[in-house]
Amino acid sequence: MGIKYTEQSRIFKSFRAIPYSDFYNLIRFYERYEDGIADLPLDEYLVIAYYCSNALFETGEYEEYISWANKILEYSIIHNVQYIDGEDIYLCTLRQKTFAHFKLNQIEKATKLAHQLIKITPASKKHSRLLRKCLRKQRPRWIDNFLVAGVGLIFIGALISIARILLIEAFYPNLLSFISVLEGLFWSIGIAGFVASAFGRYYYVGKHVKAVTKEAHLELEKSEEVVLFES
């Protein structure tokens, strides 16, 4: 359900005259007329709250934004308001709230909200990427350590290969067997570390996202089948 506008108050008309991309002016307007805005009808108050909260989000005021987002989500559910100016305020607010928690390093909260977003819109790549970001923050440290070590060892192996070709074979042939073993060792361990890191990334991030998305698709299909059956 969207908001239907009736006769508009002077404060609301003045607010509507401000471009919604002018974030700082939107915030200053709310601070100046906060008492009057609180007394506005629900439809006008919710529009102002939505755009002011978005301004707080866009200016990086994440802690303050989260408290506003909680109110907007509550109003959206209680009063059955989903759209403002054609935009899904519930989905947009939930997504921004997830990102705000992520930016504040509240990863556990962000991860739970990201799961909710995928359940609502399992086809959204944007929400899948957001969940991936959260899961990357929570994955075991050894995954990144293996990646760094693997890349480092491969780099050293490459340097040894160059040295073998340019120097050892021409000037130190007696060291060739030792250098070849050393070269193979660095390359082998480096590639193994890189592969282990890639597997860890898939297991703790990619595989989980796929499983959550698949489950959300199945639940959505079941709910659609129930609606069709009932109708």
Protein backbone atom coordinates (compact mmCIF):
# COMPACT_ATOMS: atom_id res chain seq x y z
CA MET A 1 0.00 0.00 0.00
CA GLY A 2 1.23 3.49 -0.85
CA ILE A 3 0.50 6.89 0.66
CA LYS A 4 -2.41 8.88 -0.75
CA TYR A 5 -1.86 12.62 -0.37
CA THR A 6 -4.76 14.89 0.55
CA GLU A 7 -4.59 18.57 1.43
CA GLN A 8 -1.00 19.31 2.37
CA SER A 9 0.35 21.39 5.25
CA ARG A 10 2.67 24.35 4.76
CA ILE A 11 5.59 22.53 6.41
CA PHE A 12 5.12 19.54 4.14
CA LYS A 13 4.97 21.72 1.00
CA SER A 14 8.18 23.49 2.06
CA PHE A 15 9.88 20.16 2.63
CA ARG A 16 8.77 18.87 -0.76
CA ALA A 17 10.40 21.89 -2.39
CA ILE A 18 13.84 20.72 -1.25
CA PRO A 19 15.59 18.36 -3.72
CA TYR A 20 15.90 14.93 -2.15
CA SER A 21 19.54 14.81 -3.18
CA ASP A 22 20.24 17.89 -1.04
CA PHE A 23 20.87 15.77 2.03
CA TYR A 24 22.22 18.42 4.40
CA ASN A 25 19.35 20.82 3.71
CA LEU A 26 16.85 18.03 4.39
CA ILE A 27 18.48 17.34 7.75
CA ARG A 28 18.62 21.03 8.66
CA PHE A 29 14.95 21.45 7.72
CA TYR A 30 13.95 18.64 10.05
CA GLU A 31 16.06 20.03 12.91
CA ARG A 32 14.48 23.48 12.46
CA TYR A 33 10.86 22.30 12.30
CA GLU A 34 11.08 19.12 14.40
CA ASP A 35 8.23 20.08 16.75
CA GLY A 36 5.89 21.00 13.90
CA ILE A 37 6.77 17.86 11.94
CA ALA A 38 5.91 15.68 14.94
CA ASP A 39 2.34 17.04 14.84
CA LEU A 40 1.81 16.37 11.13
CA PRO A 41 -0.62 13.72 9.83
CA LEU A 42 0.91 10.26 9.51
CA ASP A 43 1.26 10.35 5.73
CA GLU A 44 3.20 13.63 5.75
CA TYR A 45 5.29 12.68 8.77
CA LEU A 46 6.28 9.35 7.21
CA VAL A 47 7.36 10.98 3.95
CA ILE A 48 9.55 13.48 5.79
CA ALA A 49 10.95 10.80 8.09
CA TYR A 50 11.77 8.54 5.15
CA TYR A 51 13.67 11.17 3.16
CA CYS A 52 15.42 12.61 6.23
CA SER A 53 16.54 9.14 7.29
CA ASN A 54 17.84 8.53 3.79
CA ALA A 55 19.78 11.81 4.06
CA LEU A 56 21.34 10.62 7.32
CA PHE A 57 22.33 7.36 5.64
CA GLU A 58 23.85 9.10 2.63
CA THR A 59 25.88 11.43 4.87
CA GLY A 60 27.28 8.53 6.88
CA GLU A 61 25.38 9.15 10.12
CA TYR A 62 24.79 5.42 10.53
CA GLU A 63 24.05 5.23 14.26
CA GLU A 64 21.39 7.91 14.06
CA TYR A 65 20.07 6.40 10.85
CA ILE A 66 19.46 3.02 12.51
CA SER A 67 17.13 4.53 15.13
CA TRP A 68 15.19 6.28 12.35
CA ALA A 69 15.10 3.11 10.27
CA ASN A 70 13.58 1.15 13.16
CA LYS A 71 10.75 3.69 13.40
CA ILE A 72 10.10 3.66 9.65
CA LEU A 73 10.02 -0.14 9.51
CA GLU A 74 7.63 -0.17 12.48
CA TYR A 75 5.33 2.43 10.87
CA SER A 76 5.47 0.59 7.56
CA ILE A 77 4.28 -2.65 9.19
CA ILE A 78 1.72 -1.21 11.62
CA HIS A 79 0.09 1.18 9.13
CA ASN A 80 0.57 -1.08 6.09
CA VAL A 81 2.54 1.51 4.12
CA GLN A 82 5.01 -0.03 1.68
CA TYR A 83 5.48 2.61 -1.02
CA ILE A 84 6.36 6.30 -0.99
CA ASP A 85 6.63 8.01 -4.37
CA GLY A 86 6.66 4.55 -5.95
CA GLU A 87 9.62 3.34 -3.88
CA ASP A 88 9.41 0.31 -1.62
CA ILE A 89 10.32 1.97 1.68
CA TYR A 90 10.31 -1.25 3.69
CA LEU A 91 12.81 -3.00 1.42
CA CYS A 92 14.97 0.09 0.91
CA THR A 93 15.09 0.87 4.63
CA LEU A 94 15.89 -2.73 5.55
CA ARG A 95 18.72 -2.79 3.00
CA GLN A 96 20.19 0.49 4.21
CA LYS A 97 19.86 -0.60 7.85
CA THR A 98 21.80 -3.76 7.00
CA PHE A 99 24.56 -1.73 5.39
CA ALA A 100 24.61 0.72 8.32
CA HIS A 101 25.18 -2.14 10.78
CA PHE A 102 27.90 -3.45 8.47
CA LYS A 103 29.67 -0.07 8.37
CA LEU A 104 29.49 0.12 12.17
CA ASN A 105 31.14 -3.33 12.29
CA GLN A 106 28.01 -4.87 13.82
CA ILE A 107 28.45 -7.85 11.54
CA GLU A 108 26.18 -10.32 13.34
CA LYS A 109 23.19 -7.95 13.11
CA ALA A 110 24.02 -7.12 9.49
CA THR A 111 24.21 -10.81 8.60
CA LYS A 112 20.78 -11.57 10.12
CA LEU A 113 19.23 -8.68 8.20
CA ALA A 114 20.95 -9.75 4.98
CA HIS A 115 19.35 -13.18 5.38
CA GLN A 116 15.95 -11.48 5.74
CA LEU A 117 16.53 -9.47 2.57
CA ILE A 118 17.29 -12.61 0.57
CA LYS A 119 14.17 -14.31 1.93
CA ILE A 120 12.11 -11.36 0.69
CA THR A 121 13.86 -11.02 -2.69
CA PRO A 122 15.88 -14.17 -3.45
CA ALA A 123 16.58 -13.03 -7.01
CA SER A 124 18.29 -9.81 -5.93
CA LYS A 125 22.02 -9.89 -6.69
CA LYS A 126 22.45 -6.73 -4.65
CA HIS A 127 21.23 -8.51 -1.52
CA SER A 128 23.36 -11.57 -2.26
CA ARG A 129 26.43 -9.33 -2.52
CA LEU A 130 25.53 -7.73 0.79
CA LEU A 131 25.34 -11.14 2.49
CA ARG A 132 28.67 -12.08 0.92
CA LYS A 133 30.24 -8.95 2.42
CA CYS A 134 28.96 -9.89 5.85
CA LEU A 135 30.14 -13.49 5.59
CA ARG A 136 33.61 -12.43 4.45
CA LYS A 137 33.97 -10.49 7.69
CA GLN A 138 33.12 -13.62 9.68
CA ARG A 139 35.13 -16.24 7.82
CA PRO A 140 38.10 -17.88 9.61
CA ARG A 141 41.34 -15.92 9.52
CA TRP A 142 43.28 -18.83 8.07
CA ILE A 143 41.57 -18.28 4.72
CA ASP A 144 43.16 -14.86 4.23
CA ASN A 145 46.44 -16.06 5.75
CA PHE A 146 46.60 -18.93 3.26
CA LEU A 147 45.86 -16.54 0.42
CA VAL A 148 48.63 -14.12 1.41
CA ALA A 149 51.09 -16.95 1.99
CA GLY A 150 50.12 -18.66 -1.26
CA VAL A 151 50.52 -15.53 -3.36
CA GLY A 152 53.82 -14.74 -1.63
CA LEU A 153 55.24 -18.22 -2.21
CA ILE A 154 54.12 -18.21 -5.86
CA PHE A 155 55.84 -14.86 -6.32
CA ILE A 156 59.07 -16.21 -4.80
CA GLY A 157 58.75 -19.31 -6.98
CA ALA A 158 58.44 -17.08 -10.05
CA LEU A 159 61.58 -15.16 -9.05
CA ILE A 160 63.47 -18.43 -8.62
CA SER A 161 62.26 -19.56 -12.07
CA ILE A 162 63.57 -16.35 -13.63
CA ALA A 163 66.85 -16.68 -11.77
CA ARG A 164 67.21 -20.31 -12.90
CA ILE A 165 66.68 -19.37 -16.55
CA LEU A 166 68.86 -16.25 -16.59
CA LEU A 167 71.65 -17.15 -14.16
CA ILE A 168 71.78 -20.69 -12.81
CA GLU A 169 71.60 -22.58 -16.12
CA ALA A 170 74.30 -20.35 -17.65
CA PHE A 171 76.71 -19.71 -14.77
CA TYR A 172 75.98 -22.18 -11.95
CA PRO A 173 74.91 -25.47 -13.56
CA ASN A 174 76.07 -27.39 -10.49
CA LEU A 175 73.26 -25.72 -8.48
CA LEU A 176 70.62 -26.50 -11.06
CA SER A 177 69.19 -29.60 -9.36
CA PHE A 178 68.94 -27.88 -5.97
CA ILE A 179 67.35 -24.75 -7.46
CA SER A 180 64.87 -26.85 -9.45
CA VAL A 181 63.74 -28.65 -6.28
CA LEU A 182 63.47 -25.32 -4.43
CA GLU A 183 61.56 -23.81 -7.32
CA GLY A 184 59.09 -26.70 -7.42
CA LEU A 185 58.65 -26.56 -3.65
CA PHE A 186 57.74 -22.88 -3.61
CA TRP A 187 55.39 -23.25 -6.55
CA SER A 188 53.69 -26.35 -5.11
CA ILE A 189 53.16 -24.95 -1.60
CA GLY A 190 52.11 -21.58 -2.99
CA ILE A 191 49.49 -23.06 -5.31
CA ALA A 192 48.27 -25.36 -2.53
CA GLY A 193 47.82 -22.37 -0.21
CA PHE A 194 46.01 -20.44 -2.93
CA VAL A 195 43.68 -23.38 -3.67
CA ALA A 196 43.00 -23.94 0.05
CA SER A 197 42.09 -20.26 0.42
CA ALA A 198 39.77 -20.41 -2.60
CA PHE A 199 38.07 -23.52 -1.20
CA GLY A 200 37.66 -21.83 2.19
CA ARG A 201 36.13 -18.75 0.58
CA TYR A 202 33.65 -20.90 -1.32
CA TYR A 203 32.76 -23.07 1.69
CA TYR A 204 32.25 -20.23 4.16
CA VAL A 205 30.82 -17.63 1.75
CA GLY A 206 29.76 -18.78 -1.72
CA LYS A 207 28.25 -22.11 -0.69
CA HIS A 208 26.32 -20.51 2.16
CA VAL A 209 24.90 -17.75 -0.05
CA LYS A 210 23.81 -20.31 -2.66
CA ALA A 211 22.09 -22.44 0.00
CA VAL A 212 20.24 -19.46 1.51
CA THR A 213 19.18 -18.19 -1.91
CA LYS A 214 17.98 -21.63 -3.01
CA GLU A 215 15.95 -22.06 0.18
CA ALA A 216 14.42 -18.59 -0.24
CA HIS A 217 13.43 -19.40 -3.84
CA LEU A 218 11.76 -22.63 -2.71
CA GLU A 219 9.85 -20.89 0.08
CA LEU A 220 8.72 -18.17 -2.33
CA GLU A 221 7.52 -20.75 -4.86
CA LYS A 222 5.59 -22.60 -2.12
CA SER A 223 3.89 -19.42 -0.97
CA GLU A 224 2.92 -18.55 -4.56
CA GLU A 225 1.49 -22.05 -5.02
CA VAL A 226 -0.59 -21.63 -1.85
CA VAL A 227 -1.95 -18.30 -3.07
CA LEU A 228 -2.87 -19.80 -6.44
CA PHE A 229 -4.53 -22.78 -4.75
CA GLU A 230 -6.56 -20.57 -2.41
CA SER A 231 -7.66 -18.26 -5.21
